[in-house]
Amino acid sequence: MAFLIAFYLLFTGRQVDPRPEDALEADVVDYAGEYGFFSPTSWWPLPVGFFAALTGTGLIVGWWLFFLAVLGLMLSLVGFVFEYYRGEQATL
């Protein structure tokens, strides 16, 4: 298994261009840019976490709670994924 991982990293490492942080004399400003997009005002992680915990509880307590929690989890995941496609925060 370790050989497969080593082969994959060696194979893909040869195909990727060197990044600015790989240079020995690199400065912080060489890789100044966007690191990602994080939503500071999103409420969707709260219901996702609640229904994920309720799904785990449903596995212990009973099948009826499990299925209701999975339904809530799916709905909250859809809301979380499509948050920026509708409403006030929609990007065009």
PDB file of N, CA and C in Angstrom:
ATOM      1  N   MET A   1       0.825  -1.179   0.000  1.00  0.00           N
ATOM      2  CA  MET A   1       0.000   0.000   0.000  1.00  0.00           C
ATOM      3  C   MET A   1       0.878   1.256   0.000  1.00  0.00           C
ATOM      4  N   ALA A   2       1.947   1.226   0.769  1.00  0.00           N
ATOM      5  CA  ALA A   2       2.847   2.377   0.813  1.00  0.00           C
ATOM      6  C   ALA A   2       3.507   2.599  -0.544  1.00  0.00           C
ATOM      7  N   PHE A   3       3.796   1.509  -1.269  1.00  0.00           N
ATOM      8  CA  PHE A   3       4.384   1.637  -2.598  1.00  0.00           C
ATOM      9  C   PHE A   3       3.410   2.317  -3.557  1.00  0.00           C
ATOM     10  N   LEU A   4       2.129   1.996  -3.470  1.00  0.00           N
ATOM     11  CA  LEU A   4       1.139   2.627  -4.338  1.00  0.00           C
ATOM     12  C   LEU A   4       1.038   4.127  -4.066  1.00  0.00           C
ATOM     13  N   ILE A   5       1.048   4.497  -2.807  1.00  0.00           N
ATOM     14  CA  ILE A   5       0.980   5.914  -2.454  1.00  0.00           C
ATOM     15  C   ILE A   5       2.245   6.637  -2.914  1.00  0.00           C
ATOM     16  N   ALA A   6       3.402   6.016  -2.718  1.00  0.00           N
ATOM     17  CA  ALA A   6       4.658   6.627  -3.142  1.00  0.00           C
ATOM     18  C   ALA A   6       4.701   6.782  -4.658  1.00  0.00           C
ATOM     19  N   PHE A   7       4.235   5.779  -5.388  1.00  0.00           N
ATOM     20  CA  PHE A   7       4.204   5.860  -6.848  1.00  0.00           C
ATOM     21  C   PHE A   7       3.271   6.966  -7.312  1.00  0.00           C
ATOM     22  N   TYR A   8       2.111   7.092  -6.679  1.00  0.00           N
ATOM     23  CA  TYR A   8       1.154   8.134  -7.053  1.00  0.00           C
ATOM     24  C   TYR A   8       1.743   9.517  -6.807  1.00  0.00           C
ATOM     25  N   LEU A   9       2.358   9.719  -5.647  1.00  0.00           N
ATOM     26  CA  LEU A   9       2.938  11.021  -5.339  1.00  0.00           C
ATOM     27  C   LEU A   9       4.101  11.349  -6.266  1.00  0.00           C
ATOM     28  N   LEU A  10       4.916  10.370  -6.595  1.00  0.00           N
ATOM     29  CA  LEU A  10       6.019  10.587  -7.515  1.00  0.00           C
ATOM     30  C   LEU A  10       5.501  10.897  -8.915  1.00  0.00           C
ATOM     31  N   PHE A  11       4.496  10.169  -9.357  1.00  0.00           N
ATOM     32  CA  PHE A  11       3.941  10.352 -10.698  1.00  0.00           C
ATOM     33  C   PHE A  11       3.270  11.714 -10.841  1.00  0.00           C
ATOM     34  N   THR A  12       2.451  12.098  -9.882  1.00  0.00           N
ATOM     35  CA  THR A  12       1.762  13.390  -9.976  1.00  0.00           C
ATOM     36  C   THR A  12       2.696  14.551  -9.665  1.00  0.00           C
ATOM     37  N   GLY A  13       3.711  14.329  -8.860  1.00  0.00           N
ATOM     38  CA  GLY A  13       4.670  15.390  -8.558  1.00  0.00           C
ATOM     39  C   GLY A  13       5.465  15.819  -9.773  1.00  0.00           C
ATOM     40  N   ARG A  14       5.670  14.919 -10.703  1.00  0.00           N
ATOM     41  CA  ARG A  14       6.399  15.260 -11.920  1.00  0.00           C
ATOM     42  C   ARG A  14       5.533  16.039 -12.905  1.00  0.00           C
ATOM     43  N   GLN A  15       4.227  15.916 -12.818  1.00  0.00           N
ATOM     44  CA  GLN A  15       3.327  16.588 -13.753  1.00  0.00           C
ATOM     45  C   GLN A  15       2.920  17.982 -13.297  1.00  0.00           C
ATOM     46  N   VAL A  16       3.081  18.292 -12.026  1.00  0.00           N
ATOM     47  CA  VAL A  16       2.657  19.577 -11.481  1.00  0.00           C
ATOM     48  C   VAL A  16       3.824  20.556 -11.531  1.00  0.00           C
ATOM     49  N   ASP A  17       3.530  21.783 -11.973  1.00  0.00           N
ATOM     50  CA  ASP A  17       4.565  22.811 -11.995  1.00  0.00           C
ATOM     51  C   ASP A  17       4.987  23.168 -10.574  1.00  0.00           C
ATOM     52  N   PRO A  18       6.241  23.580 -10.392  1.00  0.00           N
ATOM     53  CA  PRO A  18       6.676  23.968  -9.049  1.00  0.00           C
ATOM     54  C   PRO A  18       5.894  25.182  -8.545  1.00  0.00           C
ATOM     55  N   ARG A  19       5.540  25.139  -7.298  1.00  0.00           N
ATOM     56  CA  ARG A  19       4.762  26.222  -6.702  1.00  0.00           C
ATOM     57  C   ARG A  19       5.711  27.230  -6.057  1.00  0.00           C
ATOM     58  N   PRO A  20       5.234  28.463  -5.827  1.00  0.00           N
ATOM     59  CA  PRO A  20       6.116  29.481  -5.233  1.00  0.00           C
ATOM     60  C   PRO A  20       6.651  29.090  -3.858  1.00  0.00           C
ATOM     61  N   GLU A  21       5.880  28.358  -3.075  1.00  0.00           N
ATOM     62  CA  GLU A  21       6.354  28.000  -1.738  1.00  0.00           C
ATOM     63  C   GLU A  21       7.412  26.898  -1.753  1.00  0.00           C
ATOM     64  N   ASP A  22       7.647  26.297  -2.921  1.00  0.00           N
ATOM     65  CA  ASP A  22       8.684  25.280  -3.017  1.00  0.00           C
ATOM     66  C   ASP A  22      10.079  25.878  -3.202  1.00  0.00           C
ATOM     67  N   ALA A  23      10.159  27.151  -3.564  1.00  0.00           N
ATOM     68  CA  ALA A  23      11.452  27.801  -3.754  1.00  0.00           C
ATOM     69  C   ALA A  23      12.110  28.062  -2.398  1.00  0.00           C
ATOM     70  N   LEU A  24      13.406  27.858  -2.336  1.00  0.00           N
ATOM     71  CA  LEU A  24      14.123  28.044  -1.074  1.00  0.00           C
ATOM     72  C   LEU A  24      14.208  29.513  -0.670  1.00  0.00           C
ATOM     73  N   GLU A  25      14.247  30.419  -1.642  1.00  0.00           N
ATOM     74  CA  GLU A  25      14.348  31.849  -1.352  1.00  0.00           C
ATOM     75  C   GLU A  25      12.997  32.546  -1.462  1.00  0.00           C
ATOM     76  N   ALA A  26      11.921  31.856  -1.259  1.00  0.00           N
ATOM     77  CA  ALA A  26      10.585  32.434  -1.428  1.00  0.00           C
ATOM     78  C   ALA A  26      10.221  33.329  -0.254  1.00  0.00           C
ATOM     79  N   ASP A  27       9.452  34.357  -0.557  1.00  0.00           N
ATOM     80  CA  ASP A  27       8.905  35.244   0.468  1.00  0.00           C
ATOM     81  C   ASP A  27       7.421  34.953   0.626  1.00  0.00           C
ATOM     82  N   VAL A  28       6.840  35.537   1.660  1.00  0.00           N
ATOM     83  CA  VAL A  28       5.414  35.345   1.914  1.00  0.00           C
ATOM     84  C   VAL A  28       4.582  35.949   0.790  1.00  0.00           C
ATOM     85  N   VAL A  29       5.035  37.076   0.253  1.00  0.00           N
ATOM     86  CA  VAL A  29       4.255  37.769  -0.777  1.00  0.00           C
ATOM     87  C   VAL A  29       4.268  37.032  -2.116  1.00  0.00           C
ATOM     88  N   ASP A  30       5.146  36.049  -2.283  1.00  0.00           N
ATOM     89  CA  ASP A  30       5.175  35.304  -3.538  1.00  0.00           C
ATOM     90  C   ASP A  30       3.911  34.488  -3.750  1.00  0.00           C
ATOM     91  N   TYR A  31       3.268  34.114  -2.682  1.00  0.00           N
ATOM     92  CA  TYR A  31       2.032  33.345  -2.814  1.00  0.00           C
ATOM     93  C   TYR A  31       0.888  34.082  -2.126  1.00  0.00           C
ATOM     94  N   ALA A  32       0.807  35.358  -2.367  1.00  0.00           N
ATOM     95  CA  ALA A  32      -0.311  36.135  -1.838  1.00  0.00           C
ATOM     96  C   ALA A  32      -1.473  35.985  -2.805  1.00  0.00           C
ATOM     97  N   GLY A  33      -2.583  35.588  -2.302  1.00  0.00           N
ATOM     98  CA  GLY A  33      -3.753  35.406  -3.145  1.00  0.00           C
ATOM     99  C   GLY A  33      -4.895  34.836  -2.344  1.00  0.00           C
ATOM    100  N   GLU A  34      -5.881  34.373  -3.055  1.00  0.00           N
ATOM    101  CA  GLU A  34      -7.073  33.841  -2.405  1.00  0.00           C
ATOM    102  C   GLU A  34      -6.825  32.399  -1.965  1.00  0.00           C
ATOM    103  N   TYR A  35      -7.099  32.110  -0.723  1.00  0.00           N
ATOM    104  CA  TYR A  35      -6.915  30.765  -0.189  1.00  0.00           C
ATOM    105  C   TYR A  35      -8.172  29.928  -0.284  1.00  0.00           C
ATOM    106  N   GLY A  36      -9.293  30.559  -0.513  1.00  0.00           N
ATOM    107  CA  GLY A  36     -10.554  29.838  -0.598  1.00  0.00           C
ATOM    108  C   GLY A  36     -11.696  30.763  -0.263  1.00  0.00           C
ATOM    109  N   PHE A  37     -12.875  30.217  -0.320  1.00  0.00           N
ATOM    110  CA  PHE A  37     -14.071  30.998  -0.027  1.00  0.00           C
ATOM    111  C   PHE A  37     -14.742  30.404   1.196  1.00  0.00           C
ATOM    112  N   PHE A  38     -14.945  31.226   2.205  1.00  0.00           N
ATOM    113  CA  PHE A  38     -15.568  30.777   3.436  1.00  0.00           C
ATOM    114  C   PHE A  38     -16.735  31.696   3.747  1.00  0.00           C
ATOM    115  N   SER A  39     -17.872  31.125   4.000  1.00  0.00           N
ATOM    116  CA  SER A  39     -19.075  31.902   4.242  1.00  0.00           C
ATOM    117  C   SER A  39     -19.172  32.280   5.719  1.00  0.00           C
ATOM    118  N   PRO A  40     -19.052  33.557   6.048  1.00  0.00           N
ATOM    119  CA  PRO A  40     -19.094  33.938   7.458  1.00  0.00           C
ATOM    120  C   PRO A  40     -20.498  34.012   8.036  1.00  0.00           C
ATOM    121  N   THR A  41     -21.516  34.095   7.195  1.00  0.00           N
ATOM    122  CA  THR A  41     -22.880  34.291   7.699  1.00  0.00           C
ATOM    123  C   THR A  41     -23.779  33.089   7.461  1.00  0.00           C
ATOM    124  N   SER A  42     -23.220  31.948   7.193  1.00  0.00           N
ATOM    125  CA  SER A  42     -24.033  30.776   6.881  1.00  0.00           C
ATOM    126  C   SER A  42     -24.558  30.112   8.150  1.00  0.00           C
ATOM    127  N   TRP A  43     -25.849  29.824   8.155  1.00  0.00           N
ATOM    128  CA  TRP A  43     -26.474  29.095   9.258  1.00  0.00           C
ATOM    129  C   TRP A  43     -26.607  27.606   8.943  1.00  0.00           C
ATOM    130  N   TRP A  44     -26.279  27.188   7.740  1.00  0.00           N
ATOM    131  CA  TRP A  44     -26.500  25.799   7.352  1.00  0.00           C
ATOM    132  C   TRP A  44     -25.630  24.782   8.082  1.00  0.00           C
ATOM    133  N   PRO A  45     -24.424  25.096   8.524  1.00  0.00           N
ATOM    134  CA  PRO A  45     -23.678  24.089   9.290  1.00  0.00           C
ATOM    135  C   PRO A  45     -24.374  23.666  10.581  1.00  0.00           C
ATOM    136  N   LEU A  46     -25.181  24.546  11.161  1.00  0.00           N
ATOM    137  CA  LEU A  46     -25.892  24.205  12.394  1.00  0.00           C
ATOM    138  C   LEU A  46     -26.905  23.078  12.178  1.00  0.00           C
ATOM    139  N   PRO A  47     -27.829  23.176  11.192  1.00  0.00           N
ATOM    140  CA  PRO A  47     -28.735  22.036  10.999  1.00  0.00           C
ATOM    141  C   PRO A  47     -28.036  20.787  10.470  1.00  0.00           C
ATOM    142  N   VAL A  48     -26.975  20.956   9.691  1.00  0.00           N
ATOM    143  CA  VAL A  48     -26.238  19.779   9.213  1.00  0.00           C
ATOM    144  C   VAL A  48     -25.632  19.029  10.396  1.00  0.00           C
ATOM    145  N   GLY A  49     -25.010  19.749  11.308  1.00  0.00           N
ATOM    146  CA  GLY A  49     -24.437  19.110  12.492  1.00  0.00           C
ATOM    147  C   GLY A  49     -25.490  18.504  13.398  1.00  0.00           C
ATOM    148  N   PHE A  50     -26.618  19.204  13.559  1.00  0.00           N
ATOM    149  CA  PHE A  50     -27.693  18.690  14.403  1.00  0.00           C
ATOM    150  C   PHE A  50     -28.252  17.387  13.844  1.00  0.00           C
ATOM    151  N   PHE A  51     -28.564  17.378  12.548  1.00  0.00           N
ATOM    152  CA  PHE A  51     -29.142  16.168  11.966  1.00  0.00           C
ATOM    153  C   PHE A  51     -28.116  15.046  11.826  1.00  0.00           C
ATOM    154  N   ALA A  52     -26.835  15.376  11.698  1.00  0.00           N
ATOM    155  CA  ALA A  52     -25.810  14.329  11.698  1.00  0.00           C
ATOM    156  C   ALA A  52     -25.728  13.667  13.068  1.00  0.00           C
ATOM    157  N   ALA A  53     -25.785  14.475  14.129  1.00  0.00           N
ATOM    158  CA  ALA A  53     -25.786  13.912  15.482  1.00  0.00           C
ATOM    159  C   ALA A  53     -27.059  13.120  15.744  1.00  0.00           C
ATOM    160  N   LEU A  54     -28.182  13.620  15.239  1.00  0.00           N
ATOM    161  CA  LEU A  54     -29.447  12.913  15.411  1.00  0.00           C
ATOM    162  C   LEU A  54     -29.459  11.599  14.627  1.00  0.00           C
ATOM    163  N   THR A  55     -28.773  11.569  13.488  1.00  0.00           N
ATOM    164  CA  THR A  55     -28.656  10.325  12.723  1.00  0.00           C
ATOM    165  C   THR A  55     -27.870   9.286  13.513  1.00  0.00           C
ATOM    166  N   GLY A  56     -26.778   9.700  14.124  1.00  0.00           N
ATOM    167  CA  GLY A  56     -26.019   8.778  14.973  1.00  0.00           C
ATOM    168  C   GLY A  56     -26.817   8.306  16.167  1.00  0.00           C
ATOM    169  N   THR A  57     -27.594   9.205  16.752  1.00  0.00           N
ATOM    170  CA  THR A  57     -28.460   8.815  17.866  1.00  0.00           C
ATOM    171  C   THR A  57     -29.541   7.859  17.393  1.00  0.00           C
ATOM    172  N   GLY A  58     -30.037   8.083  16.187  1.00  0.00           N
ATOM    173  CA  GLY A  58     -31.066   7.206  15.629  1.00  0.00           C
ATOM    174  C   GLY A  58     -30.581   5.790  15.409  1.00  0.00           C
ATOM    175  N   LEU A  59     -29.293   5.621  15.137  1.00  0.00           N
ATOM    176  CA  LEU A  59     -28.749   4.273  15.007  1.00  0.00           C
ATOM    177  C   LEU A  59     -28.819   3.522  16.330  1.00  0.00           C
ATOM    178  N   ILE A  60     -28.725   4.257  17.423  1.00  0.00           N
ATOM    179  CA  ILE A  60     -28.752   3.634  18.745  1.00  0.00           C
ATOM    180  C   ILE A  60     -30.177   3.460  19.252  1.00  0.00           C
ATOM    181  N   VAL A  61     -31.003   4.496  19.084  1.00  0.00           N
ATOM    182  CA  VAL A  61     -32.334   4.512  19.693  1.00  0.00           C
ATOM    183  C   VAL A  61     -33.345   3.697  18.897  1.00  0.00           C
ATOM    184  N   GLY A  62     -33.458   3.990  17.614  1.00  0.00           N
ATOM    185  CA  GLY A  62     -34.461   3.270  16.838  1.00  0.00           C
ATOM    186  C   GLY A  62     -34.434   3.657  15.373  1.00  0.00           C
ATOM    187  N   TRP A  63     -34.989   2.789  14.554  1.00  0.00           N
ATOM    188  CA  TRP A  63     -34.949   2.995  13.110  1.00  0.00           C
ATOM    189  C   TRP A  63     -35.794   4.179  12.679  1.00  0.00           C
ATOM    190  N   TRP A  64     -36.902   4.453  13.390  1.00  0.00           N
ATOM    191  CA  TRP A  64     -37.776   5.556  13.006  1.00  0.00           C
ATOM    192  C   TRP A  64     -37.067   6.897  13.162  1.00  0.00           C
ATOM    193  N   LEU A  65     -36.281   7.058  14.227  1.00  0.00           N
ATOM    194  CA  LEU A  65     -35.524   8.293  14.428  1.00  0.00           C
ATOM    195  C   LEU A  65     -34.406   8.410  13.401  1.00  0.00           C
ATOM    196  N   PHE A  66     -33.804   7.285  13.063  1.00  0.00           N
ATOM    197  CA  PHE A  66     -32.740   7.274  12.067  1.00  0.00           C
ATOM    198  C   PHE A  66     -33.250   7.768  10.722  1.00  0.00           C
ATOM    199  N   PHE A  67     -34.392   7.262  10.272  1.00  0.00           N
ATOM    200  CA  PHE A  67     -34.909   7.658   8.963  1.00  0.00           C
ATOM    201  C   PHE A  67     -35.370   9.108   8.942  1.00  0.00           C
ATOM    202  N   LEU A  68     -35.960   9.587  10.024  1.00  0.00           N
ATOM    203  CA  LEU A  68     -36.342  10.998  10.092  1.00  0.00           C
ATOM    204  C   LEU A  68     -35.105  11.901  10.093  1.00  0.00           C
ATOM    205  N   ALA A  69     -34.073  11.482  10.801  1.00  0.00           N
ATOM    206  CA  ALA A  69     -32.845  12.276  10.856  1.00  0.00           C
ATOM    207  C   ALA A  69     -32.123  12.281   9.513  1.00  0.00           C
ATOM    208  N   VAL A  70     -32.133  11.156   8.801  1.00  0.00           N
ATOM    209  CA  VAL A  70     -31.511  11.108   7.476  1.00  0.00           C
ATOM    210  C   VAL A  70     -32.243  12.038   6.520  1.00  0.00           C
ATOM    211  N   LEU A  71     -33.563  12.073   6.603  1.00  0.00           N
ATOM    212  CA  LEU A  71     -34.342  12.990   5.772  1.00  0.00           C
ATOM    213  C   LEU A  71     -33.967  14.443   6.085  1.00  0.00           C
ATOM    214  N   GLY A  72     -33.899  14.788   7.354  1.00  0.00           N
ATOM    215  CA  GLY A  72     -33.487  16.137   7.738  1.00  0.00           C
ATOM    216  C   GLY A  72     -32.060  16.448   7.329  1.00  0.00           C
ATOM    217  N   LEU A  73     -31.179  15.454   7.421  1.00  0.00           N
ATOM    218  CA  LEU A  73     -29.791  15.648   7.025  1.00  0.00           C
ATOM    219  C   LEU A  73     -29.683  15.907   5.529  1.00  0.00           C
ATOM    220  N   MET A  74     -30.427  15.158   4.727  1.00  0.00           N
ATOM    221  CA  MET A  74     -30.399  15.367   3.279  1.00  0.00           C
ATOM    222  C   MET A  74     -30.924  16.754   2.906  1.00  0.00           C
ATOM    223  N   LEU A  75     -32.011  17.170   3.540  1.00  0.00           N
ATOM    224  CA  LEU A  75     -32.564  18.496   3.249  1.00  0.00           C
ATOM    225  C   LEU A  75     -31.598  19.607   3.663  1.00  0.00           C
ATOM    226  N   SER A  76     -30.969  19.458   4.806  1.00  0.00           N
ATOM    227  CA  SER A  76     -30.032  20.490   5.243  1.00  0.00           C
ATOM    228  C   SER A  76     -28.758  20.483   4.395  1.00  0.00           C
ATOM    229  N   LEU A  77     -28.334  19.328   3.908  1.00  0.00           N
ATOM    230  CA  LEU A  77     -27.182  19.283   3.005  1.00  0.00           C
ATOM    231  C   LEU A  77     -27.490  19.954   1.675  1.00  0.00           C
ATOM    232  N   VAL A  78     -28.704  19.763   1.177  1.00  0.00           N
ATOM    233  CA  VAL A  78     -29.102  20.440  -0.062  1.00  0.00           C
ATOM    234  C   VAL A  78     -29.102  21.948   0.149  1.00  0.00           C
ATOM    235  N   GLY A  79     -29.626  22.400   1.275  1.00  0.00           N
ATOM    236  CA  GLY A  79     -29.601  23.825   1.573  1.00  0.00           C
ATOM    237  C   GLY A  79     -28.193  24.364   1.709  1.00  0.00           C
ATOM    238  N   PHE A  80     -27.310  23.582   2.307  1.00  0.00           N
ATOM    239  CA  PHE A  80     -25.922  23.996   2.495  1.00  0.00           C
ATOM    240  C   PHE A  80     -25.185  24.095   1.160  1.00  0.00           C
ATOM    241  N   VAL A  81     -25.419  23.122   0.285  1.00  0.00           N
ATOM    242  CA  VAL A  81     -24.724  23.095  -1.000  1.00  0.00           C
ATOM    243  C   VAL A  81     -25.224  24.202  -1.924  1.00  0.00           C
ATOM    244  N   PHE A  82     -26.542  24.408  -1.956  1.00  0.00           N
ATOM    245  CA  PHE A  82     -27.123  25.373  -2.884  1.00  0.00           C
ATOM    246  C   PHE A  82     -27.390  26.730  -2.245  1.00  0.00           C
ATOM    247  N   GLU A  83     -26.689  27.065  -1.194  1.00  0.00           N
ATOM    248  CA  GLU A  83     -26.901  28.319  -0.476  1.00  0.00           C
ATOM    249  C   GLU A  83     -26.664  29.536  -1.361  1.00  0.00           C
ATOM    250  N   TYR A  84     -25.695  29.471  -2.225  1.00  0.00           N
ATOM    251  CA  TYR A  84     -25.330  30.631  -3.035  1.00  0.00           C
ATOM    252  C   TYR A  84     -25.952  30.601  -4.422  1.00  0.00           C
ATOM    253  N   TYR A  85     -26.975  29.813  -4.638  1.00  0.00           N
ATOM    254  CA  TYR A  85     -27.667  29.785  -5.917  1.00  0.00           C
ATOM    255  C   TYR A  85     -28.979  30.545  -5.882  1.00  0.00           C
ATOM    256  N   ARG A  86     -29.477  30.873  -4.684  1.00  0.00           N
ATOM    257  CA  ARG A  86     -30.759  31.558  -4.553  1.00  0.00           C
ATOM    258  C   ARG A  86     -30.673  32.618  -3.471  1.00  0.00           C
ATOM    259  N   GLY A  87     -31.608  33.550  -3.546  1.00  0.00           N
ATOM    260  CA  GLY A  87     -31.782  34.503  -2.461  1.00  0.00           C
ATOM    261  C   GLY A  87     -30.779  35.637  -2.444  1.00  0.00           C
ATOM    262  N   GLU A  88     -30.566  36.161  -1.259  1.00  0.00           N
ATOM    263  CA  GLU A  88     -29.753  37.359  -1.064  1.00  0.00           C
ATOM    264  C   GLU A  88     -28.294  37.149  -1.437  1.00  0.00           C
ATOM    265  N   GLN A  89     -27.761  35.952  -1.237  1.00  0.00           N
ATOM    266  CA  GLN A  89     -26.340  35.701  -1.461  1.00  0.00           C
ATOM    267  C   GLN A  89     -26.044  35.073  -2.814  1.00  0.00           C
ATOM    268  N   ALA A  90     -27.016  35.054  -3.720  1.00  0.00           N
ATOM    269  CA  ALA A  90     -26.824  34.407  -5.016  1.00  0.00           C
ATOM    270  C   ALA A  90     -25.757  35.138  -5.820  1.00  0.00           C
ATOM    271  N   THR A  91     -24.851  34.377  -6.404  1.00  0.00           N
ATOM    272  CA  THR A  91     -23.821  34.951  -7.264  1.00  0.00           C
ATOM    273  C   THR A  91     -24.234  34.763  -8.706  1.00  0.00           C
ATOM    274  N   LEU A  92     -24.022  35.774  -9.496  1.00  0.00           N
ATOM    275  CA  LEU A  92     -24.423  35.701 -10.910  1.00  0.00           C
ATOM    276  C   LEU A  92     -23.249  35.460 -11.792  1.00  0.00           C
TER     277      LEU A  92
END
